[in-house]
PDB file of all heavy atoms in Angstrom:
ATOM      1  N   SER A   1      51.322 106.965 -31.733  1.00  0.00           N
ATOM      2  CA  SER A   1      51.203 107.308 -30.357  1.00  0.00           C
ATOM      3  C   SER A   1      50.151 106.506 -29.697  1.00  0.00           C
ATOM      4  O   SER A   1      50.180 106.186 -28.502  1.00  0.00           O
ATOM      5  CB  SER A   1      50.973 108.823 -30.145  1.00  0.00           C
ATOM      6  OG  SER A   1      49.839 109.197 -30.874  1.00  0.00           O
ATOM      7  N   GLY A   2      49.076 106.080 -30.458  1.00  0.00           N
ATOM      8  CA  GLY A   2      48.023 105.344 -30.063  1.00  0.00           C
ATOM      9  C   GLY A   2      48.208 103.832 -30.128  1.00  0.00           C
ATOM     10  O   GLY A   2      47.350 103.007 -29.724  1.00  0.00           O
ATOM     11  N   GLY A   3      49.330 103.359 -30.578  1.00  0.00           N
ATOM     12  CA  GLY A   3      49.611 101.955 -30.653  1.00  0.00           C
ATOM     13  C   GLY A   3      49.331 101.234 -32.012  1.00  0.00           C
ATOM     14  O   GLY A   3      49.551 100.005 -32.083  1.00  0.00           O
ATOM     15  N   SER A   4      48.937 101.956 -33.108  1.00  0.00           N
ATOM     16  CA  SER A   4      48.720 101.357 -34.365  1.00  0.00           C
ATOM     17  C   SER A   4      49.956 101.030 -35.024  1.00  0.00           C
ATOM     18  O   SER A   4      50.889 101.819 -34.935  1.00  0.00           O
ATOM     19  CB  SER A   4      47.842 102.258 -35.207  1.00  0.00           C
ATOM     20  OG  SER A   4      46.570 102.376 -34.652  1.00  0.00           O
ATOM     21  N   THR A   5      50.089  99.826 -35.654  1.00  0.00           N
ATOM     22  CA  THR A   5      51.405  99.356 -36.174  1.00  0.00           C
ATOM     23  C   THR A   5      51.236  99.077 -37.661  1.00  0.00           C
ATOM     24  O   THR A   5      50.227  98.715 -38.171  1.00  0.00           O
ATOM     25  CB  THR A   5      51.841  98.180 -35.431  1.00  0.00           C
ATOM     26  OG1 THR A   5      50.934  97.121 -35.543  1.00  0.00           O
ATOM     27  CG2 THR A   5      52.127  98.464 -33.991  1.00  0.00           C
ATOM     28  N   ASN A   6      52.352  99.191 -38.272  1.00  0.00           N
ATOM     29  CA  ASN A   6      52.520  98.762 -39.751  1.00  0.00           C
ATOM     30  C   ASN A   6      53.828  98.183 -39.929  1.00  0.00           C
ATOM     31  O   ASN A   6      54.918  98.477 -39.243  1.00  0.00           O
ATOM     32  CB  ASN A   6      52.285  99.966 -40.720  1.00  0.00           C
ATOM     33  CG  ASN A   6      51.012 100.413 -40.899  1.00  0.00           C
ATOM     34  OD1 ASN A   6      50.278  99.695 -41.628  1.00  0.00           O
ATOM     35  ND2 ASN A   6      50.480 101.463 -40.211  1.00  0.00           N
ATOM     36  N   TYR A   7      54.030  97.109 -40.914  1.00  0.00           N
ATOM     37  CA  TYR A   7      55.201  96.467 -41.071  1.00  0.00           C
ATOM     38  C   TYR A   7      55.575  96.296 -42.599  1.00  0.00           C
ATOM     39  O   TYR A   7      54.624  96.290 -43.360  1.00  0.00           O
ATOM     40  CB  TYR A   7      55.050  95.079 -40.481  1.00  0.00           C
ATOM     41  CG  TYR A   7      54.806  95.048 -39.012  1.00  0.00           C
ATOM     42  CD1 TYR A   7      53.557  95.033 -38.484  1.00  0.00           C
ATOM     43  CD2 TYR A   7      55.816  95.032 -38.080  1.00  0.00           C
ATOM     44  CE1 TYR A   7      53.269  94.966 -37.117  1.00  0.00           C
ATOM     45  CE2 TYR A   7      55.692  95.078 -36.708  1.00  0.00           C
ATOM     46  CZ  TYR A   7      54.322  95.002 -36.202  1.00  0.00           C
ATOM     47  OH  TYR A   7      54.152  95.043 -34.942  1.00  0.00           O
ATOM     48  N   ALA A   8      56.736  96.307 -42.794  1.00  0.00           N
ATOM     49  CA  ALA A   8      57.191  95.951 -44.125  1.00  0.00           C
ATOM     50  C   ALA A   8      56.823  94.405 -44.486  1.00  0.00           C
ATOM     51  O   ALA A   8      56.807  93.691 -43.550  1.00  0.00           O
ATOM     52  CB  ALA A   8      58.705  96.074 -44.373  1.00  0.00           C
ATOM     53  N   ASP A   9      56.520  94.264 -45.688  1.00  0.00           N
ATOM     54  CA  ASP A   9      56.069  92.839 -46.077  1.00  0.00           C
ATOM     55  C   ASP A   9      57.156  91.793 -45.724  1.00  0.00           C
ATOM     56  O   ASP A   9      56.758  90.624 -45.318  1.00  0.00           O
ATOM     57  CB  ASP A   9      55.783  92.692 -47.485  1.00  0.00           C
ATOM     58  CG  ASP A   9      54.494  93.449 -47.966  1.00  0.00           C
ATOM     59  OD1 ASP A   9      53.708  93.715 -47.027  1.00  0.00           O
ATOM     60  OD2 ASP A   9      54.320  93.762 -49.190  1.00  0.00           O
ATOM     61  N   SER A  10      58.425  92.169 -45.724  1.00  0.00           N
ATOM     62  CA  SER A  10      59.464  91.175 -45.541  1.00  0.00           C
ATOM     63  C   SER A  10      59.546  90.721 -44.109  1.00  0.00           C
ATOM     64  O   SER A  10      60.163  89.745 -43.851  1.00  0.00           O
ATOM     65  CB  SER A  10      60.790  91.865 -45.913  1.00  0.00           C
ATOM     66  OG  SER A  10      61.131  93.080 -45.223  1.00  0.00           O
ATOM     67  N   VAL A  11      58.925  91.434 -43.144  1.00  0.00           N
ATOM     68  CA  VAL A  11      59.028  91.116 -41.771  1.00  0.00           C
ATOM     69  C   VAL A  11      57.638  90.825 -41.139  1.00  0.00           C
ATOM     70  O   VAL A  11      57.580  90.454 -39.967  1.00  0.00           O
ATOM     71  CB  VAL A  11      59.756  92.227 -40.883  1.00  0.00           C
ATOM     72  CG1 VAL A  11      61.100  92.526 -41.547  1.00  0.00           C
ATOM     73  CG2 VAL A  11      58.838  93.494 -40.785  1.00  0.00           C
ATOM     74  N   LYS A  12      56.584  91.062 -41.955  1.00  0.00           N
ATOM     75  CA  LYS A  12      55.245  90.864 -41.371  1.00  0.00           C
ATOM     76  C   LYS A  12      55.122  89.408 -40.901  1.00  0.00           C
ATOM     77  O   LYS A  12      55.390  88.480 -41.515  1.00  0.00           O
ATOM     78  CB  LYS A  12      54.270  91.225 -42.412  1.00  0.00           C
ATOM     79  CG  LYS A  12      52.797  91.522 -41.929  1.00  0.00           C
ATOM     80  CD  LYS A  12      51.868  92.044 -43.109  1.00  0.00           C
ATOM     81  CE  LYS A  12      52.454  93.420 -43.579  1.00  0.00           C
ATOM     82  NZ  LYS A  12      51.577  93.976 -44.546  1.00  0.00           N
ATOM     83  N   GLY A  13      54.481  89.302 -39.651  1.00  0.00           N
ATOM     84  CA  GLY A  13      54.292  88.114 -39.078  1.00  0.00           C
ATOM     85  C   GLY A  13      55.413  87.603 -38.210  1.00  0.00           C
ATOM     86  O   GLY A  13      55.300  86.493 -37.458  1.00  0.00           O
ATOM     87  N   ARG A  14      56.603  88.155 -38.390  1.00  0.00           N
ATOM     88  CA  ARG A  14      57.804  87.806 -37.665  1.00  0.00           C
ATOM     89  C   ARG A  14      58.231  88.782 -36.632  1.00  0.00           C
ATOM     90  O   ARG A  14      58.833  88.454 -35.576  1.00  0.00           O
ATOM     91  CB  ARG A  14      58.957  87.511 -38.551  1.00  0.00           C
ATOM     92  CG  ARG A  14      58.585  86.364 -39.587  1.00  0.00           C
ATOM     93  CD  ARG A  14      59.861  85.969 -40.427  1.00  0.00           C
ATOM     94  NE  ARG A  14      60.322  87.051 -41.180  1.00  0.00           N
ATOM     95  CZ  ARG A  14      61.593  87.642 -41.067  1.00  0.00           C
ATOM     96  NH1 ARG A  14      62.407  87.165 -40.113  1.00  0.00           N
ATOM     97  NH2 ARG A  14      61.974  88.595 -41.831  1.00  0.00           N
ATOM     98  N   PHE A  15      58.052  90.033 -36.962  1.00  0.00           N
ATOM     99  CA  PHE A  15      58.484  91.168 -36.077  1.00  0.00           C
ATOM    100  C   PHE A  15      57.288  91.837 -35.362  1.00  0.00           C
ATOM    101  O   PHE A  15      56.284  91.948 -36.039  1.00  0.00           O
ATOM    102  CB  PHE A  15      59.301  92.197 -36.861  1.00  0.00           C
ATOM    103  CG  PHE A  15      60.666  91.790 -37.349  1.00  0.00           C
ATOM    104  CD1 PHE A  15      61.063  90.475 -37.324  1.00  0.00           C
ATOM    105  CD2 PHE A  15      61.538  92.740 -37.890  1.00  0.00           C
ATOM    106  CE1 PHE A  15      62.320  90.088 -37.840  1.00  0.00           C
ATOM    107  CE2 PHE A  15      62.732  92.368 -38.382  1.00  0.00           C
ATOM    108  CZ  PHE A  15      63.145  91.085 -38.409  1.00  0.00           C
ATOM    109  N   THR A  16      57.497  92.322 -34.161  1.00  0.00           N
ATOM    110  CA  THR A  16      56.521  93.117 -33.462  1.00  0.00           C
ATOM    111  C   THR A  16      57.105  94.367 -32.892  1.00  0.00           C
ATOM    112  O   THR A  16      58.071  94.321 -32.139  1.00  0.00           O
ATOM    113  CB  THR A  16      55.864  92.218 -32.346  1.00  0.00           C
ATOM    114  OG1 THR A  16      55.310  91.090 -32.966  1.00  0.00           O
ATOM    115  CG2 THR A  16      54.764  93.096 -31.669  1.00  0.00           C
ATOM    116  N   ILE A  17      56.552  95.435 -33.312  1.00  0.00           N
ATOM    117  CA  ILE A  17      56.919  96.838 -32.670  1.00  0.00           C
ATOM    118  C   ILE A  17      55.974  97.203 -31.525  1.00  0.00           C
ATOM    119  O   ILE A  17      54.838  96.913 -31.595  1.00  0.00           O
ATOM    120  CB  ILE A  17      56.996  97.953 -33.770  1.00  0.00           C
ATOM    121  CG1 ILE A  17      57.619  99.117 -33.171  1.00  0.00           C
ATOM    122  CG2 ILE A  17      55.692  98.196 -34.343  1.00  0.00           C
ATOM    123  CD1 ILE A  17      57.891 100.249 -34.288  1.00  0.00           C
ATOM    124  N   SER A  18      56.575  97.673 -30.461  1.00  0.00           N
ATOM    125  CA  SER A  18      55.777  98.043 -29.311  1.00  0.00           C
ATOM    126  C   SER A  18      56.378  99.263 -28.655  1.00  0.00           C
ATOM    127  O   SER A  18      57.546  99.627 -28.974  1.00  0.00           O
ATOM    128  CB  SER A  18      55.537  96.872 -28.317  1.00  0.00           C
ATOM    129  OG  SER A  18      56.823  96.533 -27.762  1.00  0.00           O
ATOM    130  N   ARG A  19      55.746  99.923 -27.780  1.00  0.00           N
ATOM    131  CA  ARG A  19      56.279 100.946 -27.091  1.00  0.00           C
ATOM    132  C   ARG A  19      55.842 101.033 -25.708  1.00  0.00           C
ATOM    133  O   ARG A  19      54.642 100.579 -25.342  1.00  0.00           O
ATOM    134  CB  ARG A  19      55.998 102.383 -27.699  1.00  0.00           C
ATOM    135  CG  ARG A  19      54.428 102.727 -27.803  1.00  0.00           C
ATOM    136  CD  ARG A  19      54.250 103.883 -28.816  1.00  0.00           C
ATOM    137  NE  ARG A  19      55.035 105.077 -28.494  1.00  0.00           N
ATOM    138  CZ  ARG A  19      55.249 106.117 -29.347  1.00  0.00           C
ATOM    139  NH1 ARG A  19      54.753 106.066 -30.600  1.00  0.00           N
ATOM    140  NH2 ARG A  19      55.831 107.200 -28.925  1.00  0.00           N
ATOM    141  N   ASN A  20      56.555 101.620 -24.751  1.00  0.00           N
ATOM    142  CA  ASN A  20      56.262 101.814 -23.367  1.00  0.00           C
ATOM    143  C   ASN A  20      56.510 103.344 -23.118  1.00  0.00           C
ATOM    144  O   ASN A  20      57.690 103.604 -22.884  1.00  0.00           O
ATOM    145  CB  ASN A  20      57.041 100.841 -22.444  1.00  0.00           C
ATOM    146  CG  ASN A  20      56.674 101.096 -20.965  1.00  0.00           C
ATOM    147  OD1 ASN A  20      56.071 102.037 -20.543  1.00  0.00           O
ATOM    148  ND2 ASN A  20      56.680  99.981 -20.213  1.00  0.00           N
ATOM    149  N   ASN A  21      55.463 104.057 -23.158  1.00  0.00           N
ATOM    150  CA  ASN A  21      55.659 105.518 -23.158  1.00  0.00           C
ATOM    151  C   ASN A  21      56.085 105.947 -21.776  1.00  0.00           C
ATOM    152  O   ASN A  21      56.901 106.962 -21.533  1.00  0.00           O
ATOM    153  CB  ASN A  21      54.377 106.257 -23.386  1.00  0.00           C
ATOM    154  CG  ASN A  21      54.116 106.125 -24.940  1.00  0.00           C
ATOM    155  OD1 ASN A  21      54.920 105.952 -25.740  1.00  0.00           O
ATOM    156  ND2 ASN A  21      52.759 106.286 -25.171  1.00  0.00           N
ATOM    157  N   ALA A  22      55.721 105.196 -20.656  1.00  0.00           N
ATOM    158  CA  ALA A  22      56.195 105.519 -19.302  1.00  0.00           C
ATOM    159  C   ALA A  22      57.722 105.427 -19.168  1.00  0.00           C
ATOM    160  O   ALA A  22      58.267 106.127 -18.421  1.00  0.00           O
ATOM    161  CB  ALA A  22      55.497 104.711 -18.319  1.00  0.00           C
ATOM    162  N   LYS A  23      58.297 104.540 -20.018  1.00  0.00           N
ATOM    163  CA  LYS A  23      59.759 104.313 -19.924  1.00  0.00           C
ATOM    164  C   LYS A  23      60.474 104.987 -21.067  1.00  0.00           C
ATOM    165  O   LYS A  23      61.634 104.799 -21.294  1.00  0.00           O
ATOM    166  CB  LYS A  23      60.067 102.763 -20.054  1.00  0.00           C
ATOM    167  CG  LYS A  23      59.519 101.995 -18.766  1.00  0.00           C
ATOM    168  CD  LYS A  23      59.959 100.567 -18.803  1.00  0.00           C
ATOM    169  CE  LYS A  23      59.613  99.838 -17.609  1.00  0.00           C
ATOM    170  NZ  LYS A  23      60.008  98.419 -17.682  1.00  0.00           N
ATOM    171  N   ASN A  24      59.715 105.744 -21.915  1.00  0.00           N
ATOM    172  CA  ASN A  24      60.317 106.333 -23.130  1.00  0.00           C
ATOM    173  C   ASN A  24      61.123 105.425 -23.931  1.00  0.00           C
ATOM    174  O   ASN A  24      62.193 105.694 -24.392  1.00  0.00           O
ATOM    175  CB  ASN A  24      61.166 107.604 -22.695  1.00  0.00           C
ATOM    176  CG  ASN A  24      60.376 108.773 -22.231  1.00  0.00           C
ATOM    177  OD1 ASN A  24      59.116 108.779 -22.247  1.00  0.00           O
ATOM    178  ND2 ASN A  24      61.101 109.910 -22.042  1.00  0.00           N
ATOM    179  N   THR A  25      60.498 104.266 -24.232  1.00  0.00           N
ATOM    180  CA  THR A  25      61.153 103.149 -24.924  1.00  0.00           C
ATOM    181  C   THR A  25      60.382 102.579 -25.985  1.00  0.00           C
ATOM    182  O   THR A  25      59.099 102.319 -25.799  1.00  0.00           O
ATOM    183  CB  THR A  25      61.688 102.185 -23.935  1.00  0.00           C
ATOM    184  OG1 THR A  25      62.456 102.739 -22.967  1.00  0.00           O
ATOM    185  CG2 THR A  25      62.511 101.018 -24.578  1.00  0.00           C
ATOM    186  N   VAL A  26      60.848 102.231 -27.076  1.00  0.00           N
ATOM    187  CA  VAL A  26      60.336 101.469 -28.138  1.00  0.00           C
ATOM    188  C   VAL A  26      61.004 100.267 -28.420  1.00  0.00           C
ATOM    189  O   VAL A  26      62.249 100.197 -28.248  1.00  0.00           O
ATOM    190  CB  VAL A  26      60.137 102.345 -29.466  1.00  0.00           C
ATOM    191  CG1 VAL A  26      61.418 102.852 -30.071  1.00  0.00           C
ATOM    192  CG2 VAL A  26      59.238 101.670 -30.443  1.00  0.00           C
ATOM    193  N   TYR A  27      60.268  99.130 -28.754  1.00  0.00           N
ATOM    194  CA  TYR A  27      60.839  97.853 -28.808  1.00  0.00           C
ATOM    195  C   TYR A  27      60.669  97.162 -30.275  1.00  0.00           C
ATOM    196  O   TYR A  27      59.654  97.606 -30.831  1.00  0.00           O
ATOM    197  CB  TYR A  27      60.377  96.936 -27.753  1.00  0.00           C
ATOM    198  CG  TYR A  27      60.469  97.382 -26.402  1.00  0.00           C
ATOM    199  CD1 TYR A  27      59.455  98.027 -25.785  1.00  0.00           C
ATOM    200  CD2 TYR A  27      61.714  97.157 -25.689  1.00  0.00           C
ATOM    201  CE1 TYR A  27      59.488  98.470 -24.480  1.00  0.00           C
ATOM    202  CE2 TYR A  27      61.765  97.643 -24.298  1.00  0.00           C
ATOM    203  CZ  TYR A  27      60.757  98.239 -23.740  1.00  0.00           C
ATOM    204  OH  TYR A  27      60.832  98.731 -22.484  1.00  0.00           O
ATOM    205  N   LEU A  28      61.550  96.444 -30.608  1.00  0.00           N
ATOM    206  CA  LEU A  28      61.363  95.496 -31.832  1.00  0.00           C
ATOM    207  C   LEU A  28      61.571  94.098 -31.434  1.00  0.00           C
ATOM    208  O   LEU A  28      62.758  93.709 -31.247  1.00  0.00           O
ATOM    209  CB  LEU A  28      62.186  95.958 -32.910  1.00  0.00           C
ATOM    210  CG  LEU A  28      61.801  95.286 -34.347  1.00  0.00           C
ATOM    211  CD1 LEU A  28      60.503  95.683 -34.860  1.00  0.00           C
ATOM    212  CD2 LEU A  28      62.878  95.524 -35.331  1.00  0.00           C
ATOM    213  N   GLN A  29      60.554  93.329 -31.304  1.00  0.00           N
ATOM    214  CA  GLN A  29      60.679  91.829 -31.047  1.00  0.00           C
ATOM    215  C   GLN A  29      60.799  91.104 -32.407  1.00  0.00           C
ATOM    216  O   GLN A  29      59.895  91.285 -33.182  1.00  0.00           O
ATOM    217  CB  GLN A  29      59.555  91.264 -30.288  1.00  0.00           C
ATOM    218  CG  GLN A  29      59.586  89.862 -30.020  1.00  0.00           C
ATOM    219  CD  GLN A  29      60.683  89.454 -29.116  1.00  0.00           C
ATOM    220  OE1 GLN A  29      60.874  89.999 -28.043  1.00  0.00           O
ATOM    221  NE2 GLN A  29      61.517  88.472 -29.513  1.00  0.00           N
ATOM    222  N   MET A  30      61.871  90.429 -32.543  1.00  0.00           N
ATOM    223  CA  MET A  30      62.203  89.728 -33.806  1.00  0.00           C
ATOM    224  C   MET A  30      62.218  88.298 -33.633  1.00  0.00           C
ATOM    225  O   MET A  30      62.976  87.766 -32.772  1.00  0.00           O
ATOM    226  CB  MET A  30      63.602  90.254 -34.453  1.00  0.00           C
ATOM    227  CG  MET A  30      63.587  91.779 -34.655  1.00  0.00           C
ATOM    228  SD  MET A  30      65.060  92.329 -35.437  1.00  0.00           S
ATOM    229  CE  MET A  30      66.304  91.818 -34.154  1.00  0.00           C
ATOM    230  N   SER A  31      61.360  87.570 -34.445  1.00  0.00           N
ATOM    231  CA  SER A  31      61.387  86.132 -34.317  1.00  0.00           C
ATOM    232  C   SER A  31      61.445  85.447 -35.639  1.00  0.00           C
ATOM    233  O   SER A  31      61.403  86.159 -36.647  1.00  0.00           O
ATOM    234  CB  SER A  31      60.056  85.651 -33.706  1.00  0.00           C
ATOM    235  OG  SER A  31      59.850  86.175 -32.393  1.00  0.00           O
TER     236      SER A  31
END
């Protein structure tokens, strides 16, 4: 809820998880 993130080793450095609580939405940016 405070924005701290963790990632699987397989995606670390490539994926970013984020959230917009005002929009009730969570995102996964994959590169």
